[in-house]
């Protein structure tokens, strides 16, 4: 349902950035517990590290640079600044997570589905408030806004390609569960994030 052009207030955007990154952080906690692999730019950076020895942080920054350029040129400074804020919040939350969450046991299948769903809902919240978490989510939003290509389907294709490459570095069982998580995440986006259904701007 569209919002008839009603703009989000600053406090609404701030709360959405917090809630969205919180959901994504919880999904990452579940993935980390059972050693699953995520997609997007973080997944590519991890594969670059495995293949070349380049530190993950350096690879992640280099991979993200062209996407942030696209964000500024095509999505505008407000989107870019909100995305930087979301990335900072996610980094802080994932560093804090071991201090506030202790999981003794979790079934890998449940972790894949629940973690993917949590990250999908978190990204959905961010997308609806004109923010992202860098990487291919920026390109996905640009393609959806300008060419009618669903962000969820595009992200799913990217993630599946990354996870296929991950087969060279992780057991096939972990790769299969990671694919299931990617499908869950991106179906959440594809079903719920449609042009014209929700048009919140700020």
N, C-alpha and C. Protein backbone atom coordinates (compact mmCIF):
# COMPACT_ATOMS: atom_id res chain seq x y z
N UNK A 1 0.84 -1.21 0.00
CA UNK A 1 0.00 0.00 0.00
C UNK A 1 0.87 1.24 0.00
N UNK A 2 0.64 2.15 -0.91
CA UNK A 2 1.45 3.36 -1.00
C UNK A 2 1.08 4.31 0.12
N UNK A 3 2.00 5.25 0.38
CA UNK A 3 1.75 6.19 1.46
C UNK A 3 1.35 7.56 0.95
N UNK A 4 0.96 7.64 -0.35
CA UNK A 4 0.48 8.89 -0.95
C UNK A 4 1.47 10.04 -0.84
N UNK A 5 2.77 9.70 -0.88
CA UNK A 5 3.79 10.74 -0.91
C UNK A 5 4.16 11.31 0.44
N UNK A 6 3.61 10.77 1.54
CA UNK A 6 3.95 11.27 2.87
C UNK A 6 5.41 10.94 3.16
N UNK A 7 6.17 11.95 3.55
CA UNK A 7 7.58 11.75 3.79
C UNK A 7 7.83 11.25 5.21
N UNK A 8 8.87 10.44 5.36
CA UNK A 8 9.26 10.00 6.69
C UNK A 8 9.91 11.15 7.44
N UNK A 9 9.63 11.22 8.74
CA UNK A 9 10.30 12.20 9.58
C UNK A 9 11.70 11.73 9.95
N UNK A 10 12.51 12.63 10.47
CA UNK A 10 13.88 12.29 10.84
C UNK A 10 13.90 11.19 11.89
N UNK A 11 13.01 11.30 12.88
CA UNK A 11 13.00 10.29 13.94
C UNK A 11 12.57 8.94 13.39
N UNK A 12 11.68 8.94 12.38
CA UNK A 12 11.26 7.67 11.77
C UNK A 12 12.42 7.03 11.02
N UNK A 13 13.19 7.84 10.27
CA UNK A 13 14.36 7.31 9.58
C UNK A 13 15.39 6.77 10.57
N UNK A 14 15.61 7.50 11.66
CA UNK A 14 16.60 7.08 12.65
C UNK A 14 16.19 5.74 13.28
N UNK A 15 14.91 5.62 13.64
CA UNK A 15 14.43 4.38 14.24
C UNK A 15 14.49 3.23 13.24
N UNK A 16 14.19 3.52 11.97
CA UNK A 16 14.24 2.49 10.94
C UNK A 16 15.68 2.01 10.72
N UNK A 17 16.64 2.93 10.71
CA UNK A 17 18.04 2.53 10.56
C UNK A 17 18.46 1.61 11.70
N UNK A 18 18.03 1.96 12.91
CA UNK A 18 18.38 1.12 14.07
C UNK A 18 17.72 -0.26 13.97
N UNK A 19 16.41 -0.28 13.73
CA UNK A 19 15.69 -1.55 13.67
C UNK A 19 16.16 -2.42 12.50
N UNK A 20 16.36 -1.79 11.34
CA UNK A 20 16.80 -2.56 10.18
C UNK A 20 18.16 -3.21 10.40
N UNK A 21 19.11 -2.44 10.91
CA UNK A 21 20.44 -3.02 11.15
C UNK A 21 20.41 -4.03 12.29
N UNK A 22 19.50 -3.85 13.25
CA UNK A 22 19.38 -4.82 14.34
C UNK A 22 18.93 -6.18 13.81
N UNK A 23 17.94 -6.19 12.91
CA UNK A 23 17.49 -7.44 12.31
C UNK A 23 18.62 -8.11 11.53
N UNK A 24 19.35 -7.32 10.74
CA UNK A 24 20.46 -7.88 9.97
C UNK A 24 21.54 -8.44 10.89
N UNK A 25 21.86 -7.71 11.96
CA UNK A 25 22.87 -8.18 12.91
C UNK A 25 22.46 -9.50 13.55
N UNK A 26 21.19 -9.65 13.90
CA UNK A 26 20.71 -10.91 14.48
C UNK A 26 20.85 -12.06 13.47
N UNK A 27 20.54 -11.77 12.21
CA UNK A 27 20.73 -12.80 11.19
C UNK A 27 22.18 -13.21 11.05
N UNK A 28 23.08 -12.24 11.11
CA UNK A 28 24.50 -12.53 11.00
C UNK A 28 24.97 -13.37 12.19
N UNK A 29 24.44 -13.08 13.38
CA UNK A 29 24.78 -13.87 14.57
C UNK A 29 24.44 -15.34 14.34
N UNK A 30 23.25 -15.61 13.80
CA UNK A 30 22.84 -16.99 13.53
C UNK A 30 23.75 -17.63 12.48
N UNK A 31 24.07 -16.89 11.42
CA UNK A 31 24.95 -17.42 10.37
C UNK A 31 26.33 -17.74 10.94
N UNK A 32 26.84 -16.84 11.75
CA UNK A 32 28.18 -17.04 12.30
C UNK A 32 28.24 -18.28 13.18
N UNK A 33 27.18 -18.53 13.93
CA UNK A 33 27.15 -19.67 14.86
C UNK A 33 27.35 -20.99 14.15
N UNK A 34 26.84 -21.11 12.92
CA UNK A 34 26.94 -22.38 12.19
C UNK A 34 27.83 -22.26 10.95
N UNK A 35 28.60 -21.16 10.86
CA UNK A 35 29.60 -20.98 9.79
C UNK A 35 28.98 -21.01 8.39
N UNK A 36 27.90 -20.28 8.20
CA UNK A 36 27.33 -20.14 6.87
C UNK A 36 27.96 -18.95 6.16
N UNK A 37 27.72 -18.85 4.86
CA UNK A 37 28.31 -17.81 4.04
C UNK A 37 27.22 -16.88 3.54
N UNK A 38 27.45 -15.59 3.64
CA UNK A 38 26.50 -14.62 3.11
C UNK A 38 26.91 -14.21 1.71
N UNK A 39 26.09 -13.41 1.07
CA UNK A 39 26.39 -12.98 -0.29
C UNK A 39 26.79 -11.53 -0.34
N UNK A 40 26.46 -10.87 -1.45
CA UNK A 40 26.72 -9.46 -1.69
C UNK A 40 28.22 -9.16 -1.66
N UNK A 41 28.56 -7.90 -1.43
CA UNK A 41 29.96 -7.48 -1.48
C UNK A 41 30.80 -8.16 -0.41
N UNK A 42 30.20 -8.41 0.76
CA UNK A 42 30.93 -9.08 1.83
C UNK A 42 31.36 -10.49 1.41
N UNK A 43 30.48 -11.18 0.71
CA UNK A 43 30.83 -12.52 0.23
C UNK A 43 31.94 -12.48 -0.79
N UNK A 44 31.90 -11.50 -1.71
CA UNK A 44 32.97 -11.37 -2.69
C UNK A 44 34.29 -11.05 -2.01
N UNK A 45 34.25 -10.14 -1.03
CA UNK A 45 35.48 -9.78 -0.32
C UNK A 45 36.09 -10.99 0.38
N UNK A 46 35.24 -11.84 0.94
CA UNK A 46 35.74 -13.05 1.59
C UNK A 46 36.39 -14.00 0.59
N UNK A 47 35.78 -14.14 -0.58
CA UNK A 47 36.36 -15.00 -1.61
C UNK A 47 37.68 -14.42 -2.11
N UNK A 48 37.77 -13.09 -2.24
CA UNK A 48 39.03 -12.45 -2.64
C UNK A 48 40.12 -12.74 -1.62
N UNK A 49 39.75 -12.67 -0.34
CA UNK A 49 40.72 -12.97 0.71
C UNK A 49 41.22 -14.41 0.60
N UNK A 50 40.29 -15.37 0.39
CA UNK A 50 40.69 -16.77 0.24
C UNK A 50 41.61 -16.96 -0.96
N UNK A 51 41.30 -16.28 -2.06
CA UNK A 51 42.03 -16.52 -3.31
C UNK A 51 43.36 -15.79 -3.37
N UNK A 52 43.47 -14.61 -2.77
CA UNK A 52 44.66 -13.78 -2.96
C UNK A 52 45.42 -13.47 -1.67
N UNK A 53 44.77 -13.65 -0.53
CA UNK A 53 45.41 -13.28 0.73
C UNK A 53 45.24 -11.82 1.09
N UNK A 54 44.56 -11.05 0.23
CA UNK A 54 44.29 -9.65 0.55
C UNK A 54 43.37 -9.58 1.76
N UNK A 55 43.70 -8.74 2.77
CA UNK A 55 42.84 -8.67 3.96
C UNK A 55 41.40 -8.36 3.61
N UNK A 56 40.47 -8.96 4.38
CA UNK A 56 39.05 -8.78 4.10
C UNK A 56 38.65 -7.31 4.09
N UNK A 57 39.11 -6.55 5.08
CA UNK A 57 38.72 -5.15 5.18
C UNK A 57 39.11 -4.36 3.94
N UNK A 58 40.33 -4.57 3.45
CA UNK A 58 40.78 -3.85 2.26
C UNK A 58 39.97 -4.26 1.03
N UNK A 59 39.72 -5.56 0.90
CA UNK A 59 38.94 -6.03 -0.24
C UNK A 59 37.51 -5.48 -0.19
N UNK A 60 36.92 -5.45 0.99
CA UNK A 60 35.55 -4.96 1.14
C UNK A 60 35.44 -3.49 0.75
N UNK A 61 36.41 -2.69 1.20
CA UNK A 61 36.39 -1.26 0.86
C UNK A 61 36.55 -1.06 -0.64
N UNK A 62 37.51 -1.77 -1.24
CA UNK A 62 37.75 -1.61 -2.68
C UNK A 62 36.53 -2.02 -3.51
N UNK A 63 35.88 -3.09 -3.10
CA UNK A 63 34.71 -3.56 -3.83
C UNK A 63 33.57 -2.57 -3.72
N UNK A 64 33.45 -1.93 -2.55
CA UNK A 64 32.33 -1.01 -2.31
C UNK A 64 32.51 0.36 -2.96
N UNK A 65 33.75 0.76 -3.26
CA UNK A 65 33.99 2.11 -3.78
C UNK A 65 33.13 2.45 -4.99
N UNK A 66 33.08 1.61 -6.04
CA UNK A 66 32.25 1.99 -7.20
C UNK A 66 30.77 2.06 -6.87
N UNK A 67 30.32 1.27 -5.89
CA UNK A 67 28.91 1.30 -5.53
C UNK A 67 28.56 2.59 -4.79
N UNK A 68 29.48 3.08 -3.95
CA UNK A 68 29.21 4.34 -3.28
C UNK A 68 29.24 5.50 -4.27
N UNK A 69 30.10 5.41 -5.28
CA UNK A 69 30.09 6.42 -6.33
C UNK A 69 28.73 6.42 -7.03
N UNK A 70 28.21 5.21 -7.31
CA UNK A 70 26.89 5.10 -7.93
C UNK A 70 25.82 5.66 -7.01
N UNK A 71 25.96 5.39 -5.71
CA UNK A 71 24.97 5.89 -4.75
C UNK A 71 24.92 7.40 -4.77
N UNK A 72 26.08 8.05 -4.78
CA UNK A 72 26.11 9.51 -4.78
C UNK A 72 25.57 10.06 -6.09
N UNK A 73 26.00 9.47 -7.22
CA UNK A 73 25.63 10.00 -8.53
C UNK A 73 24.16 9.75 -8.87
N UNK A 74 23.64 8.57 -8.52
CA UNK A 74 22.31 8.18 -8.97
C UNK A 74 21.25 8.21 -7.87
N UNK A 75 21.65 7.94 -6.61
CA UNK A 75 20.69 7.87 -5.53
C UNK A 75 20.69 9.12 -4.66
N UNK A 76 21.78 9.92 -4.73
CA UNK A 76 21.83 11.18 -3.98
C UNK A 76 22.55 11.05 -2.64
N UNK A 77 22.95 12.21 -2.12
CA UNK A 77 23.67 12.24 -0.86
C UNK A 77 22.84 11.75 0.32
N UNK A 78 21.53 12.08 0.42
CA UNK A 78 20.75 11.58 1.57
C UNK A 78 20.79 10.05 1.67
N UNK A 79 20.57 9.36 0.52
CA UNK A 79 20.63 7.90 0.51
C UNK A 79 22.02 7.42 0.93
N UNK A 80 23.06 8.05 0.37
CA UNK A 80 24.43 7.63 0.66
C UNK A 80 24.77 7.81 2.13
N UNK A 81 24.38 8.94 2.71
CA UNK A 81 24.68 9.18 4.12
C UNK A 81 23.92 8.22 5.03
N UNK A 82 22.66 7.93 4.69
CA UNK A 82 21.91 6.96 5.48
C UNK A 82 22.55 5.58 5.39
N UNK A 83 23.05 5.25 4.21
CA UNK A 83 23.71 3.96 4.03
C UNK A 83 24.99 3.88 4.85
N UNK A 84 25.80 4.96 4.84
CA UNK A 84 26.99 4.98 5.69
C UNK A 84 26.61 4.79 7.15
N UNK A 85 25.54 5.44 7.59
CA UNK A 85 25.10 5.32 8.98
C UNK A 85 24.68 3.89 9.30
N UNK A 86 23.96 3.25 8.37
CA UNK A 86 23.53 1.88 8.59
C UNK A 86 24.72 0.93 8.67
N UNK A 87 25.72 1.15 7.81
CA UNK A 87 26.92 0.30 7.85
C UNK A 87 27.63 0.45 9.19
N UNK A 88 27.73 1.69 9.69
CA UNK A 88 28.36 1.92 10.98
C UNK A 88 27.60 1.25 12.11
N UNK A 89 26.27 1.36 12.09
CA UNK A 89 25.46 0.71 13.12
C UNK A 89 25.61 -0.81 13.08
N UNK A 90 25.60 -1.38 11.88
CA UNK A 90 25.73 -2.83 11.76
C UNK A 90 27.08 -3.30 12.29
N UNK A 91 28.13 -2.55 11.96
CA UNK A 91 29.46 -2.90 12.47
C UNK A 91 29.48 -2.89 13.99
N UNK A 92 28.89 -1.86 14.59
CA UNK A 92 28.87 -1.76 16.05
C UNK A 92 28.05 -2.90 16.67
N UNK A 93 26.91 -3.20 16.06
CA UNK A 93 26.03 -4.23 16.62
C UNK A 93 26.67 -5.62 16.56
N UNK A 94 27.33 -5.92 15.44
CA UNK A 94 27.96 -7.24 15.32
C UNK A 94 29.16 -7.38 16.26
N UNK A 95 29.85 -6.28 16.53
CA UNK A 95 30.94 -6.33 17.52
C UNK A 95 30.40 -6.50 18.93
N UNK A 96 29.22 -5.91 19.21
CA UNK A 96 28.63 -5.99 20.55
C UNK A 96 27.92 -7.32 20.79
N UNK A 97 27.48 -7.97 19.73
CA UNK A 97 26.65 -9.17 19.85
C UNK A 97 27.21 -10.23 20.79
N UNK A 98 28.50 -10.59 20.71
CA UNK A 98 29.01 -11.63 21.63
C UNK A 98 28.89 -11.26 23.10
N UNK A 99 28.79 -9.97 23.41
CA UNK A 99 28.67 -9.53 24.80
C UNK A 99 27.24 -9.64 25.32
N UNK A 100 26.26 -9.69 24.42
CA UNK A 100 24.86 -9.66 24.87
C UNK A 100 24.07 -10.89 24.44
N UNK A 101 24.64 -11.71 23.54
CA UNK A 101 23.93 -12.91 23.07
C UNK A 101 24.84 -14.12 23.21
N UNK A 102 24.31 -15.19 23.81
CA UNK A 102 25.03 -16.46 23.92
C UNK A 102 24.11 -17.57 23.43
N UNK A 103 24.49 -18.24 22.34
CA UNK A 103 23.70 -19.33 21.77
C UNK A 103 24.48 -20.62 21.96
N UNK A 104 23.95 -21.53 22.78
CA UNK A 104 24.65 -22.78 23.05
C UNK A 104 24.52 -23.76 21.89
N UNK A 105 23.32 -23.83 21.28
CA UNK A 105 23.11 -24.78 20.19
C UNK A 105 22.03 -24.26 19.27
N UNK A 106 22.22 -24.43 17.97
CA UNK A 106 21.20 -24.05 16.99
C UNK A 106 21.31 -24.97 15.79
N UNK A 107 20.20 -25.44 15.30
CA UNK A 107 20.19 -26.30 14.14
C UNK A 107 20.58 -25.50 12.90
N UNK A 108 21.54 -25.98 12.10
CA UNK A 108 21.98 -25.22 10.92
C UNK A 108 20.86 -24.89 9.95
N UNK A 109 19.90 -25.82 9.78
CA UNK A 109 18.79 -25.56 8.87
C UNK A 109 17.94 -24.40 9.37
N UNK A 110 17.65 -24.40 10.67
CA UNK A 110 16.89 -23.29 11.24
C UNK A 110 17.66 -21.99 11.12
N UNK A 111 18.99 -22.04 11.38
CA UNK A 111 19.81 -20.83 11.29
C UNK A 111 19.78 -20.25 9.88
N UNK A 112 19.81 -21.12 8.86
CA UNK A 112 19.79 -20.65 7.48
C UNK A 112 18.49 -19.94 7.16
N UNK A 113 17.36 -20.55 7.56
CA UNK A 113 16.05 -19.97 7.23
C UNK A 113 15.77 -18.73 8.08
N UNK A 114 15.95 -18.85 9.40
CA UNK A 114 15.66 -17.72 10.29
C UNK A 114 16.63 -16.57 10.04
N UNK A 115 17.92 -16.89 9.84
CA UNK A 115 18.90 -15.85 9.59
C UNK A 115 18.63 -15.13 8.29
N UNK A 116 18.30 -15.88 7.25
CA UNK A 116 17.97 -15.25 5.97
C UNK A 116 16.74 -14.37 6.06
N UNK A 117 15.71 -14.86 6.80
CA UNK A 117 14.49 -14.07 6.96
C UNK A 117 14.76 -12.79 7.75
N UNK A 118 15.54 -12.89 8.82
CA UNK A 118 15.86 -11.71 9.63
C UNK A 118 16.61 -10.67 8.80
N UNK A 119 17.60 -11.12 8.03
CA UNK A 119 18.35 -10.17 7.21
C UNK A 119 17.48 -9.57 6.11
N UNK A 120 16.58 -10.38 5.55
CA UNK A 120 15.67 -9.86 4.53
C UNK A 120 14.75 -8.78 5.08
N UNK A 121 14.18 -9.02 6.26
CA UNK A 121 13.30 -8.02 6.88
C UNK A 121 14.10 -6.76 7.22
N UNK A 122 15.33 -6.94 7.72
CA UNK A 122 16.16 -5.78 8.04
C UNK A 122 16.46 -4.94 6.81
N UNK A 123 16.82 -5.59 5.73
CA UNK A 123 17.09 -4.86 4.49
C UNK A 123 15.83 -4.20 3.96
N UNK A 124 14.69 -4.88 4.09
CA UNK A 124 13.42 -4.30 3.65
C UNK A 124 13.14 -2.99 4.38
N UNK A 125 13.35 -2.98 5.70
CA UNK A 125 13.15 -1.76 6.48
C UNK A 125 14.07 -0.65 5.97
N UNK A 126 15.34 -1.00 5.75
CA UNK A 126 16.30 0.00 5.27
C UNK A 126 15.91 0.52 3.89
N UNK A 127 15.53 -0.38 2.99
CA UNK A 127 15.16 0.03 1.64
C UNK A 127 13.98 0.98 1.66
N UNK A 128 13.00 0.70 2.52
CA UNK A 128 11.81 1.53 2.57
C UNK A 128 12.08 2.91 3.16
N UNK A 129 13.23 3.06 3.78
CA UNK A 129 13.63 4.37 4.29
C UNK A 129 14.84 4.90 3.51
N UNK A 130 14.96 4.45 2.28
CA UNK A 130 15.97 4.95 1.35
C UNK A 130 17.38 4.83 1.92
N UNK A 131 17.71 3.62 2.35
CA UNK A 131 19.05 3.32 2.83
C UNK A 131 19.38 1.88 2.42
N UNK A 132 20.63 1.49 2.58
CA UNK A 132 21.06 0.14 2.28
C UNK A 132 22.26 -0.21 3.14
N UNK A 133 22.92 -1.29 2.75
CA UNK A 133 24.13 -1.69 3.46
C UNK A 133 25.31 -1.78 2.50
N UNK A 134 25.29 -0.94 1.49
CA UNK A 134 26.40 -0.90 0.55
C UNK A 134 26.35 -2.04 -0.45
N UNK A 135 27.40 -2.14 -1.22
CA UNK A 135 27.54 -3.25 -2.16
C UNK A 135 26.44 -3.31 -3.20
N UNK A 136 26.01 -4.54 -3.52
CA UNK A 136 25.06 -4.74 -4.60
C UNK A 136 23.65 -4.29 -4.25
N UNK A 137 23.37 -4.05 -2.96
CA UNK A 137 22.05 -3.53 -2.62
C UNK A 137 21.84 -2.15 -3.23
N UNK A 138 22.91 -1.36 -3.33
CA UNK A 138 22.82 -0.05 -3.97
C UNK A 138 22.47 -0.20 -5.45
N UNK A 139 23.18 -1.10 -6.13
CA UNK A 139 22.91 -1.33 -7.54
C UNK A 139 21.51 -1.91 -7.73
N UNK A 140 21.09 -2.80 -6.81
CA UNK A 140 19.76 -3.38 -6.90
C UNK A 140 18.67 -2.33 -6.79
N UNK A 141 18.82 -1.39 -5.84
CA UNK A 141 17.85 -0.32 -5.70
C UNK A 141 17.82 0.59 -6.93
N UNK A 142 19.01 0.88 -7.47
CA UNK A 142 19.08 1.72 -8.67
C UNK A 142 18.36 1.05 -9.83
N UNK A 143 18.60 -0.25 -10.04
CA UNK A 143 17.96 -0.97 -11.14
C UNK A 143 16.45 -1.03 -10.95
N UNK A 144 16.00 -1.19 -9.70
CA UNK A 144 14.56 -1.24 -9.46
C UNK A 144 13.91 0.11 -9.71
N UNK A 145 14.53 1.17 -9.20
CA UNK A 145 13.96 2.50 -9.34
C UNK A 145 13.97 3.02 -10.77
N UNK A 146 14.97 2.61 -11.55
CA UNK A 146 15.15 3.19 -12.88
C UNK A 146 14.85 2.25 -14.04
N UNK A 147 14.85 0.94 -13.78
CA UNK A 147 14.65 -0.01 -14.89
C UNK A 147 13.60 -1.07 -14.58
N UNK A 148 12.95 -0.99 -13.42
CA UNK A 148 11.87 -1.92 -13.11
C UNK A 148 12.32 -3.33 -12.77
N UNK A 149 13.60 -3.53 -12.51
CA UNK A 149 14.12 -4.84 -12.13
C UNK A 149 14.02 -4.98 -10.62
N UNK A 150 13.33 -6.01 -10.14
CA UNK A 150 13.13 -6.18 -8.71
C UNK A 150 14.48 -6.29 -7.99
N UNK A 151 14.64 -5.51 -6.93
CA UNK A 151 15.89 -5.55 -6.16
C UNK A 151 16.13 -6.94 -5.58
N UNK A 152 15.07 -7.60 -5.12
CA UNK A 152 15.22 -8.92 -4.52
C UNK A 152 15.70 -9.97 -5.51
N UNK A 153 15.13 -9.97 -6.72
CA UNK A 153 15.54 -10.95 -7.72
C UNK A 153 16.98 -10.69 -8.16
N UNK A 154 17.34 -9.42 -8.35
CA UNK A 154 18.71 -9.11 -8.74
C UNK A 154 19.70 -9.56 -7.67
N UNK A 155 19.39 -9.25 -6.40
CA UNK A 155 20.28 -9.63 -5.31
C UNK A 155 20.39 -11.15 -5.20
N UNK A 156 19.28 -11.85 -5.44
CA UNK A 156 19.30 -13.31 -5.39
C UNK A 156 20.27 -13.86 -6.44
N UNK A 157 20.22 -13.33 -7.66
CA UNK A 157 21.12 -13.81 -8.72
C UNK A 157 22.59 -13.58 -8.34
N UNK A 158 22.87 -12.40 -7.77
CA UNK A 158 24.25 -12.10 -7.35
C UNK A 158 24.68 -13.05 -6.25
N UNK A 159 23.82 -13.24 -5.25
CA UNK A 159 24.18 -14.09 -4.12
C UNK A 159 24.40 -15.53 -4.54
N UNK A 160 23.57 -16.04 -5.44
CA UNK A 160 23.74 -17.41 -5.91
C UNK A 160 25.07 -17.59 -6.64
N UNK A 161 25.47 -16.59 -7.42
CA UNK A 161 26.76 -16.65 -8.11
C UNK A 161 27.91 -16.68 -7.11
N UNK A 162 27.81 -15.85 -6.07
CA UNK A 162 28.86 -15.81 -5.04
C UNK A 162 28.92 -17.14 -4.29
N UNK A 163 27.76 -17.68 -3.94
CA UNK A 163 27.72 -18.93 -3.19
C UNK A 163 28.20 -20.10 -4.03
N UNK A 164 27.96 -20.04 -5.34
CA UNK A 164 28.50 -21.09 -6.22
C UNK A 164 30.02 -21.05 -6.20
N UNK A 165 30.60 -19.85 -6.23
CA UNK A 165 32.06 -19.72 -6.15
C UNK A 165 32.58 -20.19 -4.81
N UNK A 166 31.77 -20.04 -3.75
CA UNK A 166 32.20 -20.44 -2.41
C UNK A 166 32.39 -21.95 -2.29
N UNK A 167 31.82 -22.72 -3.23
CA UNK A 167 32.00 -24.18 -3.20
C UNK A 167 33.47 -24.58 -3.27
N UNK A 168 34.31 -23.68 -3.80
CA UNK A 168 35.74 -23.98 -3.88
C UNK A 168 36.41 -23.84 -2.51
N UNK A 169 35.71 -23.26 -1.52
CA UNK A 169 36.35 -22.95 -0.25
C UNK A 169 35.65 -23.51 0.97
N UNK A 170 34.37 -23.91 0.88
CA UNK A 170 33.65 -24.43 2.04
C UNK A 170 32.99 -25.75 1.68
N UNK A 171 32.62 -26.60 2.68
CA UNK A 171 31.93 -27.87 2.40
C UNK A 171 30.62 -27.64 1.68
N UNK A 172 30.24 -28.61 0.85
CA UNK A 172 29.03 -28.43 0.05
C UNK A 172 27.79 -28.33 0.93
N UNK A 173 27.80 -28.99 2.10
CA UNK A 173 26.64 -28.90 2.99
C UNK A 173 26.43 -27.45 3.46
N UNK A 174 27.52 -26.78 3.84
CA UNK A 174 27.41 -25.39 4.26
C UNK A 174 26.99 -24.50 3.10
N UNK A 175 27.50 -24.80 1.91
CA UNK A 175 27.12 -24.02 0.73
C UNK A 175 25.64 -24.18 0.43
N UNK A 176 25.12 -25.41 0.56
CA UNK A 176 23.71 -25.66 0.28
C UNK A 176 22.81 -24.90 1.26
N UNK A 177 23.18 -24.91 2.54
CA UNK A 177 22.39 -24.17 3.53
C UNK A 177 22.50 -22.67 3.30
N UNK A 178 23.67 -22.22 2.85
CA UNK A 178 23.84 -20.80 2.56
C UNK A 178 22.96 -20.38 1.39
N UNK A 179 22.82 -21.25 0.40
CA UNK A 179 21.91 -20.98 -0.72
C UNK A 179 20.48 -20.87 -0.23
N UNK A 180 20.08 -21.78 0.66
CA UNK A 180 18.73 -21.72 1.23
C UNK A 180 18.52 -20.40 1.95
N UNK A 181 19.53 -19.96 2.71
CA UNK A 181 19.43 -18.67 3.41
C UNK A 181 19.30 -17.52 2.43
N UNK A 182 20.07 -17.57 1.34
CA UNK A 182 20.01 -16.51 0.33
C UNK A 182 18.64 -16.46 -0.33
N UNK A 183 18.06 -17.63 -0.61
CA UNK A 183 16.73 -17.68 -1.21
C UNK A 183 15.70 -17.07 -0.26
N UNK A 184 15.78 -17.44 1.03
CA UNK A 184 14.86 -16.90 2.02
C UNK A 184 14.98 -15.39 2.11
N UNK A 185 16.21 -14.89 2.19
CA UNK A 185 16.45 -13.45 2.30
C UNK A 185 15.87 -12.71 1.10
N UNK A 186 16.20 -13.18 -0.08
CA UNK A 186 15.83 -12.42 -1.27
C UNK A 186 14.37 -12.60 -1.67
N UNK A 187 13.75 -13.73 -1.32
CA UNK A 187 12.31 -13.85 -1.53
C UNK A 187 11.55 -12.88 -0.63
N UNK A 188 12.08 -12.67 0.57
CA UNK A 188 11.48 -11.69 1.48
C UNK A 188 11.47 -10.31 0.83
N UNK A 189 12.58 -9.96 0.19
CA UNK A 189 12.66 -8.66 -0.49
C UNK A 189 11.78 -8.63 -1.74
N UNK A 190 11.85 -9.68 -2.54
CA UNK A 190 11.13 -9.68 -3.81
C UNK A 190 9.62 -9.62 -3.61
N UNK A 191 9.12 -10.29 -2.58
CA UNK A 191 7.67 -10.33 -2.34
C UNK A 191 7.17 -9.04 -1.73
N UNK A 192 7.97 -8.43 -0.87
CA UNK A 192 7.49 -7.29 -0.09
C UNK A 192 7.96 -5.92 -0.58
N UNK A 193 8.99 -5.88 -1.42
CA UNK A 193 9.52 -4.58 -1.85
C UNK A 193 9.23 -4.40 -3.32
N UNK A 194 8.01 -3.89 -3.62
CA UNK A 194 7.58 -3.72 -5.00
C UNK A 194 7.31 -2.25 -5.29
N UNK A 195 7.74 -1.76 -6.46
CA UNK A 195 7.45 -0.37 -6.82
C UNK A 195 5.95 -0.10 -6.78
N UNK A 196 5.57 1.03 -6.16
CA UNK A 196 4.17 1.40 -6.09
C UNK A 196 3.43 0.87 -4.89
N UNK A 197 3.98 -0.17 -4.25
CA UNK A 197 3.31 -0.73 -3.08
C UNK A 197 3.60 0.11 -1.85
N UNK A 198 4.80 0.66 -1.78
CA UNK A 198 5.20 1.48 -0.64
C UNK A 198 6.19 2.49 -1.17
N UNK A 199 5.89 3.78 -1.06
CA UNK A 199 6.72 4.79 -1.72
C UNK A 199 7.19 5.83 -0.71
N UNK A 200 7.56 5.39 0.49
CA UNK A 200 8.04 6.33 1.50
C UNK A 200 9.30 7.03 1.04
N UNK A 201 9.35 8.33 1.16
CA UNK A 201 10.52 9.12 0.79
C UNK A 201 10.90 10.00 1.96
N UNK A 202 12.19 10.37 1.99
CA UNK A 202 12.62 11.34 3.00
C UNK A 202 13.83 12.08 2.50
